[in-house]
């Protein structure tokens, strides 16, 4: 049966990506060495072709099982998927989530009213990583981030109705909606200036936002840290 998968693109730091790649290479080398050793022990010179094929098939089955249990790391996607699942468990988010309203998960860009966590370049997230997760896990990540952030997002919307989005977010929203930047700047200039106490409330609300990128980055960081305990994949996904 072909496993349905979900693809994500996430901005990461150069250091986090390098640690992940180093770990993935080490796991690939370890798996290759295990396979070579098993073949050396089980494949005898002059063995009939059918018997040799059966040995190789059994080794492939064992490798697949060991990847599922975490005894072998598998591909980079496997490593990230396992770490993301561990991150959901660590944050208490590994449970059934209701389906969000139609169209909410398909909206482009970051959640409404939230600024980028760090800018691309200039010491921020300078690299991008593409990762493919099992569909059930990817869907869990998207649902967890939506429902965890829902109340804060709605509060930020109320805040913006009172004080406006500010120039940065107004420009980004205008670009998303096809509105000329000049009009967005004029609208932002006419909005009331938020006092310090209101800005502090906005910052507190922003800190409560959890995006899919936040969860994936936490998984990437977890995967790249040595000594992290592996949890068996018991979901069947």
Protein backbone atom coordinates (compact mmCIF):
# COMPACT_ATOMS: atom_id res chain seq x y z
CA UNK A 1 0.00 0.00 0.00
CA UNK A 2 1.35 3.43 -0.96
CA UNK A 3 1.55 5.81 2.01
CA UNK A 4 0.00 9.23 1.40
CA UNK A 5 2.40 11.96 2.45
CA UNK A 6 2.28 15.72 2.99
CA UNK A 7 5.06 18.11 1.95
CA UNK A 8 6.16 21.14 3.95
CA UNK A 9 8.69 23.90 3.31
CA UNK A 10 10.15 25.46 6.43
CA UNK A 11 12.74 28.18 7.06
CA UNK A 12 15.57 27.05 9.36
CA UNK A 13 18.93 28.26 10.56
CA UNK A 14 22.11 27.14 8.84
CA UNK A 15 23.27 25.46 12.06
CA UNK A 16 20.06 23.47 12.52
CA UNK A 17 20.12 22.26 8.91
CA UNK A 18 23.79 21.27 9.15
CA UNK A 19 23.17 19.25 12.34
CA UNK A 20 20.21 17.50 10.73
CA UNK A 21 22.17 16.64 7.59
CA UNK A 22 25.12 15.35 9.62
CA UNK A 23 22.79 13.16 11.68
CA UNK A 24 21.01 11.87 8.57
CA UNK A 25 24.35 10.96 6.95
CA UNK A 26 25.52 9.16 10.09
CA UNK A 27 22.28 7.17 10.19
CA UNK A 28 22.54 6.32 6.50
CA UNK A 29 26.11 5.09 6.99
CA UNK A 30 25.03 3.03 10.01
CA UNK A 31 22.16 1.46 8.06
CA UNK A 32 24.40 0.68 5.08
CA UNK A 33 26.92 -0.97 7.40
CA UNK A 34 24.19 -3.06 9.05
CA UNK A 35 22.87 -4.22 5.67
CA UNK A 36 26.37 -5.06 4.43
CA UNK A 37 27.08 -7.09 7.56
CA UNK A 38 23.80 -9.02 7.31
CA UNK A 39 24.46 -9.82 3.66
CA UNK A 40 27.99 -10.94 4.48
CA UNK A 41 26.67 -13.36 7.10
CA UNK A 42 23.64 -14.70 5.23
CA UNK A 43 24.58 -14.72 1.55
CA UNK A 44 26.81 -17.74 0.94
CA UNK A 45 28.93 -18.24 -2.19
CA UNK A 46 27.09 -20.35 -4.76
CA UNK A 47 23.72 -19.86 -3.08
CA UNK A 48 20.79 -20.48 -5.48
CA UNK A 49 19.39 -17.29 -6.98
CA UNK A 50 15.93 -17.77 -5.43
CA UNK A 51 17.37 -18.34 -1.97
CA UNK A 52 19.62 -15.28 -2.29
CA UNK A 53 16.63 -13.17 -3.36
CA UNK A 54 14.72 -14.40 -0.31
CA UNK A 55 17.60 -13.37 1.97
CA UNK A 56 17.74 -9.89 0.45
CA UNK A 57 13.97 -9.54 0.75
CA UNK A 58 14.11 -10.55 4.43
CA UNK A 59 16.84 -7.98 5.05
CA UNK A 60 14.68 -5.27 3.43
CA UNK A 61 11.76 -6.28 5.67
CA UNK A 62 14.01 -6.08 8.73
CA UNK A 63 15.30 -2.65 7.71
CA UNK A 64 11.75 -1.34 7.27
CA UNK A 65 10.78 -2.69 10.69
CA UNK A 66 13.86 -1.21 12.35
CA UNK A 67 13.12 2.16 10.78
CA UNK A 68 9.60 2.07 12.18
CA UNK A 69 10.82 1.25 15.69
CA UNK A 70 13.64 3.79 15.58
CA UNK A 71 16.42 1.19 15.72
CA UNK A 72 17.55 2.63 12.39
CA UNK A 73 17.14 6.30 11.56
CA UNK A 74 16.06 5.90 7.96
CA UNK A 75 15.90 8.81 5.55
CA UNK A 76 16.09 12.47 6.54
CA UNK A 77 12.30 12.64 6.23
CA UNK A 78 11.99 9.62 8.54
CA UNK A 79 14.27 11.29 11.10
CA UNK A 80 12.33 14.57 11.02
CA UNK A 81 8.98 12.77 11.17
CA UNK A 82 10.05 10.84 14.27
CA UNK A 83 11.34 14.02 15.92
CA UNK A 84 8.17 15.97 15.07
CA UNK A 85 6.07 13.20 16.60
CA UNK A 86 8.24 13.35 19.73
CA UNK A 87 7.84 17.13 19.81
CA UNK A 88 4.06 16.83 19.68
CA UNK A 89 4.23 14.39 22.58
CA UNK A 90 6.60 16.63 24.56
CA UNK A 91 4.26 19.63 24.15
CA UNK A 92 1.15 17.63 25.01
CA UNK A 93 -0.24 18.09 21.49
CA UNK A 94 -0.22 14.45 20.36
CA UNK A 95 -3.95 13.77 20.44
CA UNK A 96 -6.99 13.94 18.20
CA UNK A 97 -7.84 17.43 16.98
CA UNK A 98 -11.14 18.40 15.34
CA UNK A 99 -11.03 19.48 11.74
CA UNK A 100 -10.72 23.27 11.38
CA UNK A 101 -13.37 25.21 9.46
CA UNK A 102 -13.24 24.86 5.68
CA UNK A 103 -10.55 27.01 4.09
CA UNK A 104 -8.67 27.85 7.29
CA UNK A 105 -5.71 25.53 6.69
CA UNK A 106 -5.46 26.47 3.01
CA UNK A 107 -4.84 30.18 3.63
CA UNK A 108 -1.43 31.26 2.26
CA UNK A 109 1.35 32.61 4.45
CA UNK A 110 1.51 32.84 8.23
CA UNK A 111 -1.46 32.97 10.55
CA UNK A 112 -3.43 36.22 10.49
CA UNK A 113 -1.86 39.11 12.37
CA UNK A 114 1.44 37.38 13.18
CA UNK A 115 4.85 38.70 12.11
CA UNK A 116 7.67 36.44 10.90
CA UNK A 117 9.42 34.67 13.77
CA UNK A 118 12.77 35.72 12.34
CA UNK A 119 13.64 37.40 9.06
CA UNK A 120 15.30 35.50 6.26
CA UNK A 121 18.96 36.51 6.28
CA UNK A 122 20.71 38.79 8.74
CA UNK A 123 21.08 36.09 11.39
CA UNK A 124 17.58 34.74 10.97
CA UNK A 125 16.36 31.68 9.10
CA UNK A 126 18.80 31.73 6.23
CA UNK A 127 18.01 28.30 4.78
CA UNK A 128 14.91 26.42 3.69
CA UNK A 129 14.15 22.76 4.22
CA UNK A 130 11.63 20.66 2.32
CA UNK A 131 10.32 17.73 4.34
CA UNK A 132 7.67 15.14 3.56
CA UNK A 133 5.70 13.69 6.48
CA UNK A 134 3.15 10.88 6.65
CA UNK A 135 -0.22 12.48 5.91
CA UNK A 136 -1.69 11.74 9.34
CA UNK A 137 1.30 13.33 11.08
CA UNK A 138 1.34 16.36 8.77
CA UNK A 139 -2.38 16.85 9.32
CA UNK A 140 -1.89 16.58 13.09
CA UNK A 141 0.78 19.31 12.94
CA UNK A 142 -1.51 21.62 11.00
CA UNK A 143 -4.51 21.00 13.26
CA UNK A 144 -2.48 21.35 16.47
CA UNK A 145 -1.07 24.68 15.37
CA UNK A 146 -4.50 25.95 14.31
CA UNK A 147 -6.41 25.07 17.48
CA UNK A 148 -3.56 25.97 19.84
CA UNK A 149 -3.40 29.45 18.31
CA UNK A 150 -7.09 30.05 17.66
CA UNK A 151 -7.92 32.15 20.74
CA UNK A 152 -4.78 34.28 20.39
CA UNK A 153 -5.44 34.85 16.68
CA UNK A 154 -8.98 36.02 17.38
CA UNK A 155 -7.70 38.32 20.14
CA UNK A 156 -5.14 39.76 17.71
CA UNK A 157 -7.90 40.39 15.21
CA UNK A 158 -9.83 42.29 17.87
CA UNK A 159 -6.66 44.19 18.73
CA UNK A 160 -6.15 45.16 15.08
CA UNK A 161 -9.77 46.33 14.83
CA UNK A 162 -9.03 48.68 17.73
CA UNK A 163 -5.50 49.82 16.96
CA UNK A 164 -4.79 48.77 13.38
CA UNK A 165 -2.27 46.29 12.05
CA UNK A 166 0.73 48.57 11.92
CA UNK A 167 2.71 49.36 8.79
CA UNK A 168 4.59 46.04 8.54
CA UNK A 169 1.54 43.81 8.71
CA UNK A 170 -0.61 46.23 6.70
CA UNK A 171 1.86 46.07 3.81
CA UNK A 172 2.01 42.28 3.97
CA UNK A 173 -1.77 41.96 4.07
CA UNK A 174 -2.08 44.43 1.18
CA UNK A 175 0.36 42.39 -0.92
CA UNK A 176 -1.58 39.21 -0.13
CA UNK A 177 -4.88 40.84 -1.13
CA UNK A 178 -3.56 42.63 -4.22
CA UNK A 179 -3.94 46.13 -2.74
CA UNK A 180 -1.41 48.81 -3.80
CA UNK A 181 1.20 49.51 -1.13
CA UNK A 182 0.47 53.26 -1.30
CA UNK A 183 -3.12 52.71 -0.24
CA UNK A 184 -2.04 50.43 2.59
CA UNK A 185 0.40 53.07 3.87
CA UNK A 186 -2.29 55.75 3.77
CA UNK A 187 -4.69 53.54 5.68
CA UNK A 188 -2.05 52.67 8.28
CA UNK A 189 -1.14 56.35 8.73
CA UNK A 190 -4.74 57.15 9.60
CA UNK A 191 -4.99 54.57 12.34
CA UNK A 192 -4.75 55.54 16.03
CA UNK A 193 -1.39 55.10 17.72
CA UNK A 194 -1.43 52.21 20.19
CA UNK A 195 -0.15 53.02 23.70
CA UNK A 196 2.67 51.02 25.26
CA UNK A 197 0.27 48.91 27.32
CA UNK A 198 -1.65 47.87 24.19
CA UNK A 199 1.59 47.01 22.38
CA UNK A 200 2.61 44.82 25.31
CA UNK A 201 -0.71 42.98 25.09
CA UNK A 202 -0.17 42.44 21.38
CA UNK A 203 3.31 41.03 22.00
CA UNK A 204 1.93 38.65 24.64
CA UNK A 205 -0.72 37.43 22.19
CA UNK A 206 1.85 36.95 19.44
CA UNK A 207 3.90 34.75 21.76
CA UNK A 208 0.91 32.44 22.09
CA UNK A 209 0.78 31.77 18.34
CA UNK A 210 2.05 28.34 17.31
CA UNK A 211 2.61 27.82 13.60
CA UNK A 212 3.35 24.67 11.62
CA UNK A 213 6.79 26.17 11.01
CA UNK A 214 7.37 26.50 14.75
CA UNK A 215 6.57 22.81 15.29
CA UNK A 216 8.64 21.66 12.33
CA UNK A 217 11.63 23.78 13.41
CA UNK A 218 11.37 22.33 16.92
CA UNK A 219 11.37 18.86 15.34
CA UNK A 220 14.41 19.67 13.21
CA UNK A 221 16.27 20.98 16.27
CA UNK A 222 15.31 17.87 18.23
CA UNK A 223 16.45 15.58 15.40
CA UNK A 224 19.83 17.30 15.23
CA UNK A 225 20.59 17.06 18.94
CA UNK A 226 22.65 14.00 19.94
CA UNK A 227 21.36 11.70 22.62
CA UNK A 228 17.68 12.25 21.96
CA UNK A 229 15.73 9.11 22.87
CA UNK A 230 13.87 7.54 19.98
CA UNK A 231 10.20 6.74 20.41
CA UNK A 232 8.75 3.82 18.44
CA UNK A 233 6.23 4.69 15.74
CA UNK A 234 3.09 3.07 17.07
CA UNK A 235 0.64 5.07 14.97
CA UNK A 236 0.83 2.89 11.87
CA UNK A 237 1.07 6.05 9.72
